[in-house]
PDB file of all heavy atoms in Angstrom:
ATOM      1  N   ALA A   1      80.513 170.612  49.056  1.00  0.00           N
ATOM      2  CA  ALA A   1      80.690 170.612  50.516  1.00  0.00           C
ATOM      3  C   ALA A   1      80.221 169.287  51.122  1.00  0.00           C
ATOM      4  O   ALA A   1      80.856 168.747  52.036  1.00  0.00           O
ATOM      5  CB  ALA A   1      79.925 171.779  51.134  1.00  0.00           C
ATOM      6  N   SER A   2      79.109 168.757  50.598  1.00  0.00           N
ATOM      7  CA  SER A   2      78.639 167.460  51.083  1.00  0.00           C
ATOM      8  C   SER A   2      79.642 166.352  50.752  1.00  0.00           C
ATOM      9  O   SER A   2      79.902 165.465  51.585  1.00  0.00           O
ATOM     10  CB  SER A   2      77.280 167.139  50.463  1.00  0.00           C
ATOM     11  OG  SER A   2      76.800 165.894  50.901  1.00  0.00           O
ATOM     12  N   LEU A   3      80.235 166.412  49.570  1.00  0.00           N
ATOM     13  CA  LEU A   3      81.259 165.427  49.203  1.00  0.00           C
ATOM     14  C   LEU A   3      82.479 165.523  50.129  1.00  0.00           C
ATOM     15  O   LEU A   3      83.031 164.496  50.563  1.00  0.00           O
ATOM     16  CB  LEU A   3      81.677 165.647  47.746  1.00  0.00           C
ATOM     17  CG  LEU A   3      82.766 164.723  47.193  1.00  0.00           C
ATOM     18  CD1 LEU A   3      82.307 163.275  47.203  1.00  0.00           C
ATOM     19  CD2 LEU A   3      83.157 165.149  45.784  1.00  0.00           C
ATOM     20  N   VAL A   4      82.882 166.749  50.451  1.00  0.00           N
ATOM     21  CA  VAL A   4      84.013 166.940  51.371  1.00  0.00           C
ATOM     22  C   VAL A   4      83.686 166.377  52.752  1.00  0.00           C
ATOM     23  O   VAL A   4      84.523 165.750  53.413  1.00  0.00           O
ATOM     24  CB  VAL A   4      84.369 168.438  51.456  1.00  0.00           C
ATOM     25  CG1 VAL A   4      85.360 168.702  52.580  1.00  0.00           C
ATOM     26  CG2 VAL A   4      84.945 168.917  50.128  1.00  0.00           C
ATOM     27  N   THR A   5      82.439 166.580  53.192  1.00  0.00           N
ATOM     28  CA  THR A   5      82.026 166.070  54.504  1.00  0.00           C
ATOM     29  C   THR A   5      82.158 164.557  54.583  1.00  0.00           C
ATOM     30  O   THR A   5      82.730 164.014  55.543  1.00  0.00           O
ATOM     31  CB  THR A   5      80.570 166.477  54.776  1.00  0.00           C
ATOM     32  OG1 THR A   5      80.481 167.901  54.818  1.00  0.00           O
ATOM     33  CG2 THR A   5      80.073 165.897  56.092  1.00  0.00           C
ATOM     34  N   TRP A   6      81.648 163.862  53.586  1.00  0.00           N
ATOM     35  CA  TRP A   6      81.710 162.399  53.615  1.00  0.00           C
ATOM     36  C   TRP A   6      83.136 161.891  53.401  1.00  0.00           C
ATOM     37  O   TRP A   6      83.509 160.835  53.930  1.00  0.00           O
ATOM     38  CB  TRP A   6      80.768 161.821  52.574  1.00  0.00           C
ATOM     39  CG  TRP A   6      79.337 162.020  52.953  1.00  0.00           C
ATOM     40  CD1 TRP A   6      78.443 162.883  52.399  1.00  0.00           C
ATOM     41  CD2 TRP A   6      78.638 161.339  54.003  1.00  0.00           C
ATOM     42  NE1 TRP A   6      77.234 162.796  53.029  1.00  0.00           N
ATOM     43  CE2 TRP A   6      77.321 161.847  54.017  1.00  0.00           C
ATOM     44  CE3 TRP A   6      78.993 160.364  54.921  1.00  0.00           C
ATOM     45  CZ2 TRP A   6      76.366 161.403  54.921  1.00  0.00           C
ATOM     46  CZ3 TRP A   6      78.044 159.920  55.824  1.00  0.00           C
ATOM     47  CH2 TRP A   6      76.753 160.431  55.824  1.00  0.00           C
ATOM     48  N   THR A   7      83.957 162.634  52.651  1.00  0.00           N
ATOM     49  CA  THR A   7      85.365 162.248  52.501  1.00  0.00           C
ATOM     50  C   THR A   7      86.105 162.350  53.836  1.00  0.00           C
ATOM     51  O   THR A   7      86.873 161.447  54.221  1.00  0.00           O
ATOM     52  CB  THR A   7      86.044 163.145  51.449  1.00  0.00           C
ATOM     53  OG1 THR A   7      85.336 163.039  50.208  1.00  0.00           O
ATOM     54  CG2 THR A   7      87.487 162.739  51.244  1.00  0.00           C
ATOM     55  N   ILE A   8      85.864 163.451  54.553  1.00  0.00           N
ATOM     56  CA  ILE A   8      86.482 163.617  55.873  1.00  0.00           C
ATOM     57  C   ILE A   8      85.992 162.536  56.826  1.00  0.00           C
ATOM     58  O   ILE A   8      86.764 161.990  57.630  1.00  0.00           O
ATOM     59  CB  ILE A   8      86.185 165.026  56.424  1.00  0.00           C
ATOM     60  CG1 ILE A   8      86.900 166.086  55.582  1.00  0.00           C
ATOM     61  CG2 ILE A   8      86.611 165.141  57.885  1.00  0.00           C
ATOM     62  CD1 ILE A   8      86.552 167.500  55.967  1.00  0.00           C
ATOM     63  N   PHE A   9      84.695 162.208  56.743  1.00  0.00           N
ATOM     64  CA  PHE A   9      84.147 161.183  57.629  1.00  0.00           C
ATOM     65  C   PHE A   9      84.863 159.841  57.427  1.00  0.00           C
ATOM     66  O   PHE A   9      85.292 159.195  58.392  1.00  0.00           O
ATOM     67  CB  PHE A   9      82.658 161.033  57.368  1.00  0.00           C
ATOM     68  CG  PHE A   9      82.030 159.864  58.066  1.00  0.00           C
ATOM     69  CD1 PHE A   9      81.828 159.869  59.430  1.00  0.00           C
ATOM     70  CD2 PHE A   9      81.646 158.732  57.342  1.00  0.00           C
ATOM     71  CE1 PHE A   9      81.266 158.791  60.079  1.00  0.00           C
ATOM     72  CE2 PHE A   9      81.078 157.646  57.979  1.00  0.00           C
ATOM     73  CZ  PHE A   9      80.884 157.682  59.357  1.00  0.00           C
ATOM     74  N   ILE A  10      85.010 159.435  56.173  1.00  0.00           N
ATOM     75  CA  ILE A  10      85.657 158.140  55.898  1.00  0.00           C
ATOM     76  C   ILE A  10      87.128 158.170  56.313  1.00  0.00           C
ATOM     77  O   ILE A  10      87.634 157.242  56.974  1.00  0.00           O
ATOM     78  CB  ILE A  10      85.508 157.794  54.406  1.00  0.00           C
ATOM     79  CG1 ILE A  10      84.025 157.586  54.051  1.00  0.00           C
ATOM     80  CG2 ILE A  10      86.314 156.557  54.058  1.00  0.00           C
ATOM     81  CD1 ILE A  10      83.755 157.437  52.578  1.00  0.00           C
ATOM     82  N   ALA A  11      87.827 159.270  55.952  1.00  0.00           N
ATOM     83  CA  ALA A  11      89.260 159.347  56.266  1.00  0.00           C
ATOM     84  C   ALA A  11      89.505 159.393  57.773  1.00  0.00           C
ATOM     85  O   ALA A  11      90.371 158.678  58.300  1.00  0.00           O
ATOM     86  CB  ALA A  11      89.863 160.578  55.593  1.00  0.00           C
ATOM     87  N   LYS A  12      88.723 160.216  58.479  1.00  0.00           N
ATOM     88  CA  LYS A  12      88.933 160.339  59.924  1.00  0.00           C
ATOM     89  C   LYS A  12      88.509 159.071  60.661  1.00  0.00           C
ATOM     90  O   LYS A  12      89.131 158.703  61.666  1.00  0.00           O
ATOM     91  CB  LYS A  12      88.152 161.532  60.474  1.00  0.00           C
ATOM     92  CG  LYS A  12      88.584 162.871  59.939  1.00  0.00           C
ATOM     93  CD  LYS A  12      90.029 163.192  60.257  1.00  0.00           C
ATOM     94  CE  LYS A  12      90.279 163.439  61.717  1.00  0.00           C
ATOM     95  NZ  LYS A  12      91.663 163.838  61.994  1.00  0.00           N
ATOM     96  N   MET A  13      87.479 158.417  60.192  1.00  0.00           N
ATOM     97  CA  MET A  13      87.064 157.167  60.834  1.00  0.00           C
ATOM     98  C   MET A  13      88.164 156.112  60.736  1.00  0.00           C
ATOM     99  O   MET A  13      88.501 155.446  61.728  1.00  0.00           O
ATOM    100  CB  MET A  13      85.784 156.659  60.190  1.00  0.00           C
ATOM    101  CG  MET A  13      85.232 155.402  60.846  1.00  0.00           C
ATOM    102  SD  MET A  13      84.768 155.664  62.568  1.00  0.00           S
ATOM    103  CE  MET A  13      83.331 156.703  62.364  1.00  0.00           C
ATOM    104  N   LEU A  14      88.764 155.984  59.556  1.00  0.00           N
ATOM    105  CA  LEU A  14      89.866 155.036  59.398  1.00  0.00           C
ATOM    106  C   LEU A  14      91.078 155.442  60.248  1.00  0.00           C
ATOM    107  O   LEU A  14      91.708 154.599  60.904  1.00  0.00           O
ATOM    108  CB  LEU A  14      90.257 154.944  57.924  1.00  0.00           C
ATOM    109  CG  LEU A  14      89.212 154.335  56.972  1.00  0.00           C
ATOM    110  CD1 LEU A  14      89.685 154.431  55.536  1.00  0.00           C
ATOM    111  CD2 LEU A  14      88.919 152.889  57.351  1.00  0.00           C
ATOM    112  N   GLU A  15      91.388 156.736  60.230  1.00  0.00           N
ATOM    113  CA  GLU A  15      92.557 157.204  60.986  1.00  0.00           C
ATOM    114  C   GLU A  15      92.371 156.990  62.479  1.00  0.00           C
ATOM    115  O   GLU A  15      93.282 156.468  63.155  1.00  0.00           O
ATOM    116  CB  GLU A  15      92.778 158.690  60.695  1.00  0.00           C
ATOM    117  CG  GLU A  15      93.978 159.274  61.416  1.00  0.00           C
ATOM    118  CD  GLU A  15      94.096 160.768  61.195  1.00  0.00           C
ATOM    119  OE1 GLU A  15      93.173 161.362  60.593  1.00  0.00           O
ATOM    120  OE2 GLU A  15      95.102 161.353  61.641  1.00  0.00           O
ATOM    121  N   LEU A  16      91.216 157.373  63.020  1.00  0.00           N
ATOM    122  CA  LEU A  16      90.991 157.220  64.464  1.00  0.00           C
ATOM    123  C   LEU A  16      90.955 155.754  64.872  1.00  0.00           C
ATOM    124  O   LEU A  16      91.455 155.391  65.944  1.00  0.00           O
ATOM    125  CB  LEU A  16      89.684 157.917  64.855  1.00  0.00           C
ATOM    126  CG  LEU A  16      89.737 159.444  64.899  1.00  0.00           C
ATOM    127  CD1 LEU A  16      88.347 160.031  64.994  1.00  0.00           C
ATOM    128  CD2 LEU A  16      90.601 159.903  66.054  1.00  0.00           C
ATOM    129  N   THR A  17      90.388 154.916  64.021  1.00  0.00           N
ATOM    130  CA  THR A  17      90.369 153.481  64.344  1.00  0.00           C
ATOM    131  C   THR A  17      91.774 152.909  64.410  1.00  0.00           C
ATOM    132  O   THR A  17      92.122 152.156  65.329  1.00  0.00           O
ATOM    133  CB  THR A  17      89.536 152.728  63.294  1.00  0.00           C
ATOM    134  OG1 THR A  17      88.216 153.267  63.250  1.00  0.00           O
ATOM    135  CG2 THR A  17      89.462 151.253  63.623  1.00  0.00           C
ATOM    136  N   VAL A  18      92.620 153.299  63.458  1.00  0.00           N
ATOM    137  CA  VAL A  18      93.990 152.769  63.407  1.00  0.00           C
ATOM    138  C   VAL A  18      94.807 153.264  64.592  1.00  0.00           C
ATOM    139  O   VAL A  18      95.499 152.483  65.276  1.00  0.00           O
ATOM    140  CB  VAL A  18      94.646 153.151  62.074  1.00  0.00           C
ATOM    141  CG1 VAL A  18      96.140 152.830  62.093  1.00  0.00           C
ATOM    142  CG2 VAL A  18      93.978 152.415  60.925  1.00  0.00           C
ATOM    143  N   VAL A  19      94.758 154.582  64.888  1.00  0.00           N
ATOM    144  CA  VAL A  19      95.613 155.120  65.950  1.00  0.00           C
ATOM    145  C   VAL A  19      95.151 154.631  67.323  1.00  0.00           C
ATOM    146  O   VAL A  19      95.985 154.365  68.215  1.00  0.00           O
ATOM    147  CB  VAL A  19      95.650 156.659  65.892  1.00  0.00           C
ATOM    148  CG1 VAL A  19      96.325 157.130  64.618  1.00  0.00           C
ATOM    149  CG2 VAL A  19      94.281 157.278  66.041  1.00  0.00           C
ATOM    150  N   GLN A  20      93.849 154.501  67.515  1.00  0.00           N
ATOM    151  CA  GLN A  20      93.377 153.973  68.798  1.00  0.00           C
ATOM    152  C   GLN A  20      93.847 152.533  69.001  1.00  0.00           C
ATOM    153  O   GLN A  20      94.267 152.155  70.108  1.00  0.00           O
ATOM    154  CB  GLN A  20      91.849 154.043  68.865  1.00  0.00           C
ATOM    155  CG  GLN A  20      91.300 155.414  69.167  1.00  0.00           C
ATOM    156  CD  GLN A  20      89.784 155.424  69.229  1.00  0.00           C
ATOM    157  OE1 GLN A  20      89.117 154.571  68.638  1.00  0.00           O
ATOM    158  NE2 GLN A  20      89.221 156.384  69.933  1.00  0.00           N
ATOM    159  N   ARG A  21      93.790 151.731  67.947  1.00  0.00           N
ATOM    160  CA  ARG A  21      94.253 150.345  68.060  1.00  0.00           C
ATOM    161  C   ARG A  21      95.758 150.308  68.347  1.00  0.00           C
ATOM    162  O   ARG A  21      96.229 149.483  69.155  1.00  0.00           O
ATOM    163  CB  ARG A  21      93.934 149.585  66.776  1.00  0.00           C
ATOM    164  CG  ARG A  21      94.272 148.102  66.852  1.00  0.00           C
ATOM    165  CD  ARG A  21      93.957 147.383  65.573  1.00  0.00           C
ATOM    166  NE  ARG A  21      92.538 147.375  65.287  1.00  0.00           N
ATOM    167  CZ  ARG A  21      91.976 147.980  64.240  1.00  0.00           C
ATOM    168  NH1 ARG A  21      92.745 148.649  63.375  1.00  0.00           N
ATOM    169  NH2 ARG A  21      90.689 147.925  64.033  1.00  0.00           N
ATOM    170  N   LYS A  22      96.523 151.186  67.717  1.00  0.00           N
ATOM    171  CA  LYS A  22      97.963 151.218  67.943  1.00  0.00           C
ATOM    172  C   LYS A  22      98.301 151.589  69.388  1.00  0.00           C
ATOM    173  O   LYS A  22      99.162 150.963  70.019  1.00  0.00           O
ATOM    174  CB  LYS A  22      98.615 152.224  66.992  1.00  0.00           C
ATOM    175  CG  LYS A  22      98.796 151.718  65.570  1.00  0.00           C
ATOM    176  CD  LYS A  22      99.536 152.742  64.739  1.00  0.00           C
ATOM    177  CE  LYS A  22      99.782 152.219  63.330  1.00  0.00           C
ATOM    178  NZ  LYS A  22     100.528 153.217  62.514  1.00  0.00           N
ATOM    179  N   VAL A  23      97.632 152.614  69.911  1.00  0.00           N
ATOM    180  CA  VAL A  23      97.943 153.054  71.276  1.00  0.00           C
ATOM    181  C   VAL A  23      97.541 151.988  72.290  1.00  0.00           C
ATOM    182  O   VAL A  23      98.289 151.697  73.244  1.00  0.00           O
ATOM    183  CB  VAL A  23      97.248 154.399  71.574  1.00  0.00           C
ATOM    184  CG1 VAL A  23      97.425 154.793  73.033  1.00  0.00           C
ATOM    185  CG2 VAL A  23      97.800 155.496  70.669  1.00  0.00           C
ATOM    186  N   ARG A  24      96.372 151.385  72.103  1.00  0.00           N
ATOM    187  CA  ARG A  24      95.957 150.326  73.037  1.00  0.00           C
ATOM    188  C   ARG A  24      96.934 149.141  72.990  1.00  0.00           C
ATOM    189  O   ARG A  24      97.300 148.567  74.028  1.00  0.00           O
ATOM    190  CB  ARG A  24      94.545 149.866  72.689  1.00  0.00           C
ATOM    191  CG  ARG A  24      93.459 150.868  73.038  1.00  0.00           C
ATOM    192  CD  ARG A  24      92.093 150.211  73.002  1.00  0.00           C
ATOM    193  NE  ARG A  24      91.039 151.160  73.339  1.00  0.00           N
ATOM    194  CZ  ARG A  24      90.296 151.812  72.449  1.00  0.00           C
ATOM    195  NH1 ARG A  24      90.502 151.610  71.145  1.00  0.00           N
ATOM    196  NH2 ARG A  24      89.367 152.647  72.846  1.00  0.00           N
ATOM    197  N   SER A  25      97.342 148.759  71.774  1.00  0.00           N
ATOM    198  CA  SER A  25      98.286 147.652  71.644  1.00  0.00           C
ATOM    199  C   SER A  25      99.627 147.993  72.280  1.00  0.00           C
ATOM    200  O   SER A  25     100.255 147.160  72.967  1.00  0.00           O
ATOM    201  CB  SER A  25      98.472 147.311  70.166  1.00  0.00           C
ATOM    202  OG  SER A  25      99.444 146.314  69.998  1.00  0.00           O
ATOM    203  N   ALA A  26     100.096 149.245  72.110  1.00  0.00           N
ATOM    204  CA  ALA A  26     101.372 149.649  72.691  1.00  0.00           C
ATOM    205  C   ALA A  26     101.307 149.665  74.209  1.00  0.00           C
ATOM    206  O   ALA A  26     102.252 149.227  74.898  1.00  0.00           O
ATOM    207  CB  ALA A  26     101.761 151.025  72.150  1.00  0.00           C
ATOM    208  N   LEU A  27     100.213 150.166  74.761  1.00  0.00           N
ATOM    209  CA  LEU A  27     100.066 150.180  76.215  1.00  0.00           C
ATOM    210  C   LEU A  27     100.046 148.755  76.781  1.00  0.00           C
ATOM    211  O   LEU A  27     100.587 148.495  77.868  1.00  0.00           O
ATOM    212  CB  LEU A  27      98.795 150.915  76.609  1.00  0.00           C
ATOM    213  CG  LEU A  27      98.814 152.445  76.435  1.00  0.00           C
ATOM    214  CD1 LEU A  27      97.427 153.030  76.672  1.00  0.00           C
ATOM    215  CD2 LEU A  27      99.832 153.076  77.380  1.00  0.00           C
ATOM    216  N   ALA A  28      99.414 147.850  76.054  1.00  0.00           N
ATOM    217  CA  ALA A  28      99.394 146.457  76.515  1.00  0.00           C
ATOM    218  C   ALA A  28     100.783 145.838  76.466  1.00  0.00           C
ATOM    219  O   ALA A  28     101.162 145.026  77.339  1.00  0.00           O
ATOM    220  CB  ALA A  28      98.422 145.646  75.660  1.00  0.00           C
ATOM    221  N   LYS A  29     101.609 146.213  75.482  1.00  0.00           N
ATOM    222  CA  LYS A  29     102.935 145.629  75.342  1.00  0.00           C
ATOM    223  C   LYS A  29     103.897 146.107  76.429  1.00  0.00           C
ATOM    224  O   LYS A  29     104.768 145.356  76.870  1.00  0.00           O
ATOM    225  CB  LYS A  29     103.521 145.960  73.969  1.00  0.00           C
ATOM    226  CG  LYS A  29     102.867 145.188  72.835  1.00  0.00           C
ATOM    227  CD  LYS A  29     103.457 145.578  71.509  1.00  0.00           C
ATOM    228  CE  LYS A  29     102.803 144.782  70.378  1.00  0.00           C
ATOM    229  NZ  LYS A  29     103.356 145.171  69.045  1.00  0.00           N
ATOM    230  N   ILE A  30     103.783 147.345  76.856  1.00  0.00           N
ATOM    231  CA  ILE A  30     104.726 147.868  77.846  1.00  0.00           C
ATOM    232  C   ILE A  30     104.165 147.790  79.267  1.00  0.00           C
ATOM    233  O   ILE A  30     104.742 148.387  80.184  1.00  0.00           O
ATOM    234  CB  ILE A  30     105.089 149.335  77.525  1.00  0.00           C
ATOM    235  CG1 ILE A  30     103.880 150.254  77.743  1.00  0.00           C
ATOM    236  CG2 ILE A  30     105.642 149.453  76.120  1.00  0.00           C
ATOM    237  CD1 ILE A  30     104.235 151.711  77.766  1.00  0.00           C
ATOM    238  N   ALA A  31     103.041 147.094  79.431  1.00  0.00           N
ATOM    239  CA  ALA A  31     102.451 147.020  80.771  1.00  0.00           C
ATOM    240  C   ALA A  31     103.400 146.384  81.769  1.00  0.00           C
ATOM    241  O   ALA A  31     103.427 146.772  82.956  1.00  0.00           O
ATOM    242  CB  ALA A  31     101.138 146.245  80.715  1.00  0.00           C
TER     243      ALA A  31
END
């Protein structure tokens, strides 16, 4: 369970960082 927790942490951190950067960049492009 501890291994699953840290796996989710790494995966979700990368995913949220990427999608937030994409949305901010897209909003800036269509401003």
